[in-house]
Every structure is written in C-alpha cells, then in structure tokens.
Amino acid sequence: MVCDYCKSEHALPVDEYGVQMTGETGFACPVCAKALATARIEFRDVLYCRGCLGIAVSMDNFVELIDDLRDHRSRVSLFLAPGPVISSNGGLHCPQCQGAMDHHSYGPGTPARS
C-alpha cells in the first residue's frame, strides 16, 4: 500500500499461512457461511475464509498460485496439521455469482506411510 500524498509504503501483515488480509466482503463462505475477506497470496487476489481457512480463487489463477506456493514453500507440509475434509458433493456455490464451484483439496494432509 502506497500513500498518494507522502508516497510512504506500508505492507499488511501476513499470517502463518502466508495470507495477507486486505479487506472485508459482504459475501459468505460457501462451506461454513462465515464472512469472506479479500486477501492476497503470493501477490494474487483471493477470497479467504477465516472460519474454515478456505480460499476461493478463479480457475484462471489457480494453477499459477499453486506453482508459486510450491516454489516458495518454506516448510515441509508433513509438519503441518491436516486440514478438515470438505465434502462438496457438487453443492458449493460461488459467493459472488452463485454459480457451481469446483472443489480442489490442497494443502496439508495425512502423510503417506512407507
């Protein structure tokens, strides 16, 4: 963020998941119905749920975001707690347009056993 008057710069804090909150929305999370926030991850705009930690990102940006996250991973995913399993059964709807949403589980999970 840059001030138009004095040109000073201010970076918003980033949480432990790498999410930088930028504002609030009037939209509800399609999974848990809590309020969605506007956020940025790796300089990409997303909608973020503080309740279930879900991220809504356009499919146009999804693959690039995942690639960026993999390139900048600072810790091994095996050390992260598994996230909740979400069963969408085709019933998730976009909080903006109400269209059907795809659900892609990504992130920490149960480590594979050898």
C-alpha atoms as a PDB file:
ATOM      1  CA  MET A   1       0.000   0.000   0.000  1.00  0.00           C
ATOM      2  CA  VAL A   2       1.386   3.406  -1.001  1.00  0.00           C
ATOM      3  CA  CYS A   3       0.149   6.769   0.314  1.00  0.00           C
ATOM      4  CA  ASP A   4      -0.846   9.071  -2.569  1.00  0.00           C
ATOM      5  CA  TYR A   5       0.226  12.122  -0.555  1.00  0.00           C
ATOM      6  CA  CYS A   6       3.612  11.304   1.000  1.00  0.00           C
ATOM      7  CA  LYS A   7       4.463   8.153  -1.025  1.00  0.00           C
ATOM      8  CA  SER A   8       5.252   6.152   2.112  1.00  0.00           C
ATOM      9  CA  GLU A   9       4.768   2.403   1.836  1.00  0.00           C
ATOM     10  CA  HIS A  10       3.052   0.063   4.271  1.00  0.00           C
ATOM     11  CA  ALA A  11       2.912  -3.715   3.966  1.00  0.00           C
ATOM     12  CA  LEU A  12      -0.045  -5.504   5.513  1.00  0.00           C
ATOM     13  CA  PRO A  13       0.884  -8.350   7.883  1.00  0.00           C
ATOM     14  CA  VAL A  14       0.962 -11.911   6.572  1.00  0.00           C
ATOM     15  CA  ASP A  15      -0.486 -14.697   8.743  1.00  0.00           C
ATOM     16  CA  GLU A  16       1.135 -18.083   9.438  1.00  0.00           C
ATOM     17  CA  TYR A  17      -0.421 -19.497   6.243  1.00  0.00           C
ATOM     18  CA  GLY A  18       1.050 -16.791   4.000  1.00  0.00           C
ATOM     19  CA  VAL A  19      -2.269 -14.951   3.636  1.00  0.00           C
ATOM     20  CA  GLN A  20      -2.265 -11.155   3.621  1.00  0.00           C
ATOM     21  CA  MET A  21      -5.690  -9.767   4.580  1.00  0.00           C
ATOM     22  CA  THR A  22      -6.697  -6.715   2.547  1.00  0.00           C
ATOM     23  CA  GLY A  23     -10.332  -6.124   3.455  1.00  0.00           C
ATOM     24  CA  GLU A  24     -13.810  -7.439   4.128  1.00  0.00           C
ATOM     25  CA  THR A  25     -16.568  -8.529   1.758  1.00  0.00           C
ATOM     26  CA  GLY A  26     -20.304  -8.898   2.051  1.00  0.00           C
ATOM     27  CA  PHE A  27     -20.054 -12.494   0.868  1.00  0.00           C
ATOM     28  CA  ALA A  28     -20.460 -15.663   2.915  1.00  0.00           C
ATOM     29  CA  CYS A  29     -18.187 -18.691   2.673  1.00  0.00           C
ATOM     30  CA  PRO A  30     -19.906 -21.446   0.659  1.00  0.00           C
ATOM     31  CA  VAL A  31     -18.583 -24.073   3.103  1.00  0.00           C
ATOM     32  CA  CYS A  32     -19.090 -22.646   6.605  1.00  0.00           C
ATOM     33  CA  ALA A  33     -21.158 -19.472   5.917  1.00  0.00           C
ATOM     34  CA  LYS A  34     -18.754 -17.154   7.796  1.00  0.00           C
ATOM     35  CA  ALA A  35     -17.818 -13.812   6.214  1.00  0.00           C
ATOM     36  CA  LEU A  36     -15.192 -13.909   3.468  1.00  0.00           C
ATOM     37  CA  ALA A  37     -12.305 -11.456   3.439  1.00  0.00           C
ATOM     38  CA  THR A  38     -10.370 -10.138   0.490  1.00  0.00           C
ATOM     39  CA  ALA A  39      -6.778 -11.296   0.680  1.00  0.00           C
ATOM     40  CA  ARG A  40      -3.588 -11.789  -1.271  1.00  0.00           C
ATOM     41  CA  ILE A  41      -1.389 -14.864  -1.516  1.00  0.00           C
ATOM     42  CA  GLU A  42       1.848 -14.596  -3.471  1.00  0.00           C
ATOM     43  CA  PHE A  43       0.601 -11.293  -4.941  1.00  0.00           C
ATOM     44  CA  ARG A  44      -2.618 -12.904  -6.219  1.00  0.00           C
ATOM     45  CA  ASP A  45      -6.059 -11.711  -5.129  1.00  0.00           C
ATOM     46  CA  VAL A  46      -8.287 -14.320  -3.465  1.00  0.00           C
ATOM     47  CA  LEU A  47     -11.291 -14.562  -1.180  1.00  0.00           C
ATOM     48  CA  TYR A  48     -10.359 -16.086   2.185  1.00  0.00           C
ATOM     49  CA  CYS A  49     -12.423 -17.585   4.997  1.00  0.00           C
ATOM     50  CA  ARG A  50     -11.043 -17.129   8.493  1.00  0.00           C
ATOM     51  CA  GLY A  51     -13.511 -19.742   9.749  1.00  0.00           C
ATOM     52  CA  CYS A  52     -12.578 -22.832   7.716  1.00  0.00           C
ATOM     53  CA  LEU A  53      -9.411 -21.339   6.146  1.00  0.00           C
ATOM     54  CA  GLY A  54     -10.843 -21.918   2.675  1.00  0.00           C
ATOM     55  CA  ILE A  55      -9.590 -19.956  -0.304  1.00  0.00           C
ATOM     56  CA  ALA A  56     -11.689 -19.000  -3.312  1.00  0.00           C
ATOM     57  CA  VAL A  57      -9.557 -18.307  -6.369  1.00  0.00           C
ATOM     58  CA  SER A  58     -10.502 -18.155 -10.027  1.00  0.00           C
ATOM     59  CA  MET A  59      -9.531 -21.188 -12.081  1.00  0.00           C
ATOM     60  CA  ASP A  60      -7.539 -18.812 -14.324  1.00  0.00           C
ATOM     61  CA  ASN A  61      -5.211 -18.152 -11.357  1.00  0.00           C
ATOM     62  CA  PHE A  62      -5.401 -21.494  -9.531  1.00  0.00           C
ATOM     63  CA  VAL A  63      -2.543 -23.363 -11.244  1.00  0.00           C
ATOM     64  CA  GLU A  64      -0.232 -20.324 -11.182  1.00  0.00           C
ATOM     65  CA  LEU A  65      -0.961 -19.773  -7.475  1.00  0.00           C
ATOM     66  CA  ILE A  66      -0.219 -23.424  -6.636  1.00  0.00           C
ATOM     67  CA  ASP A  67       3.017 -23.261  -8.638  1.00  0.00           C
ATOM     68  CA  ASP A  68       4.065 -20.072  -6.808  1.00  0.00           C
ATOM     69  CA  LEU A  69       3.293 -21.624  -3.429  1.00  0.00           C
ATOM     70  CA  ARG A  70       5.325 -24.726  -4.255  1.00  0.00           C
ATOM     71  CA  ASP A  71       8.262 -22.587  -5.418  1.00  0.00           C
ATOM     72  CA  HIS A  72       8.290 -20.552  -2.200  1.00  0.00           C
ATOM     73  CA  ARG A  73       7.460 -23.257   0.334  1.00  0.00           C
ATOM     74  CA  SER A  74       9.466 -22.576   3.464  1.00  0.00           C
ATOM     75  CA  ARG A  75       8.492 -25.618   5.482  1.00  0.00           C
ATOM     76  CA  VAL A  76       7.709 -29.215   4.779  1.00  0.00           C
ATOM     77  CA  SER A  77       3.995 -29.968   4.537  1.00  0.00           C
ATOM     78  CA  LEU A  78       4.415 -33.108   6.648  1.00  0.00           C
ATOM     79  CA  PHE A  79       4.826 -30.871   9.694  1.00  0.00           C
ATOM     80  CA  LEU A  80       1.501 -29.096   9.127  1.00  0.00           C
ATOM     81  CA  ALA A  81      -1.648 -30.389  10.784  1.00  0.00           C
ATOM     82  CA  PRO A  82      -4.124 -31.978   8.376  1.00  0.00           C
ATOM     83  CA  GLY A  83      -6.927 -29.661   7.324  1.00  0.00           C
ATOM     84  CA  PRO A  84     -10.596 -30.549   7.664  1.00  0.00           C
ATOM     85  CA  VAL A  85     -12.059 -32.769   4.963  1.00  0.00           C
ATOM     86  CA  ILE A  86     -14.709 -30.923   2.991  1.00  0.00           C
ATOM     87  CA  SER A  87     -17.315 -32.917   1.137  1.00  0.00           C
ATOM     88  CA  SER A  88     -18.733 -30.658  -1.537  1.00  0.00           C
ATOM     89  CA  ASN A  89     -20.803 -33.248  -3.428  1.00  0.00           C
ATOM     90  CA  GLY A  90     -21.260 -30.636  -6.142  1.00  0.00           C
ATOM     91  CA  GLY A  91     -23.164 -28.397  -3.723  1.00  0.00           C
ATOM     92  CA  LEU A  92     -20.756 -25.459  -3.415  1.00  0.00           C
ATOM     93  CA  HIS A  93     -21.855 -22.195  -4.999  1.00  0.00           C
ATOM     94  CA  CYS A  94     -19.813 -19.087  -5.734  1.00  0.00           C
ATOM     95  CA  PRO A  95     -20.464 -16.386  -3.130  1.00  0.00           C
ATOM     96  CA  GLN A  96     -20.377 -13.726  -5.855  1.00  0.00           C
ATOM     97  CA  CYS A  97     -22.391 -15.140  -8.778  1.00  0.00           C
ATOM     98  CA  GLN A  98     -23.985 -18.266  -7.192  1.00  0.00           C
ATOM     99  CA  GLY A  99     -22.578 -20.474  -9.980  1.00  0.00           C
ATOM    100  CA  ALA A 100     -21.406 -24.015  -9.248  1.00  0.00           C
ATOM    101  CA  MET A 101     -17.885 -24.190  -7.832  1.00  0.00           C
ATOM    102  CA  ASP A 102     -15.173 -26.813  -8.266  1.00  0.00           C
ATOM    103  CA  HIS A 103     -13.554 -28.013  -5.046  1.00  0.00           C
ATOM    104  CA  HIS A 104      -9.845 -28.863  -5.007  1.00  0.00           C
ATOM    105  CA  SER A 105      -8.395 -30.055  -1.716  1.00  0.00           C
ATOM    106  CA  TYR A 106      -4.880 -28.734  -1.473  1.00  0.00           C
ATOM    107  CA  GLY A 107      -2.531 -28.241   1.397  1.00  0.00           C
ATOM    108  CA  PRO A 108      -1.523 -30.229   4.413  1.00  0.00           C
ATOM    109  CA  GLY A 109      -2.821 -33.717   4.661  1.00  0.00           C
ATOM    110  CA  THR A 110      -2.087 -37.021   6.240  1.00  0.00           C
ATOM    111  CA  PRO A 111       1.473 -38.090   5.392  1.00  0.00           C
ATOM    112  CA  ALA A 112       1.877 -41.173   3.256  1.00  0.00           C
ATOM    113  CA  ARG A 113       3.187 -44.215   5.061  1.00  0.00           C
ATOM    114  CA  SER A 114       6.002 -46.220   3.531  1.00  0.00           C
END
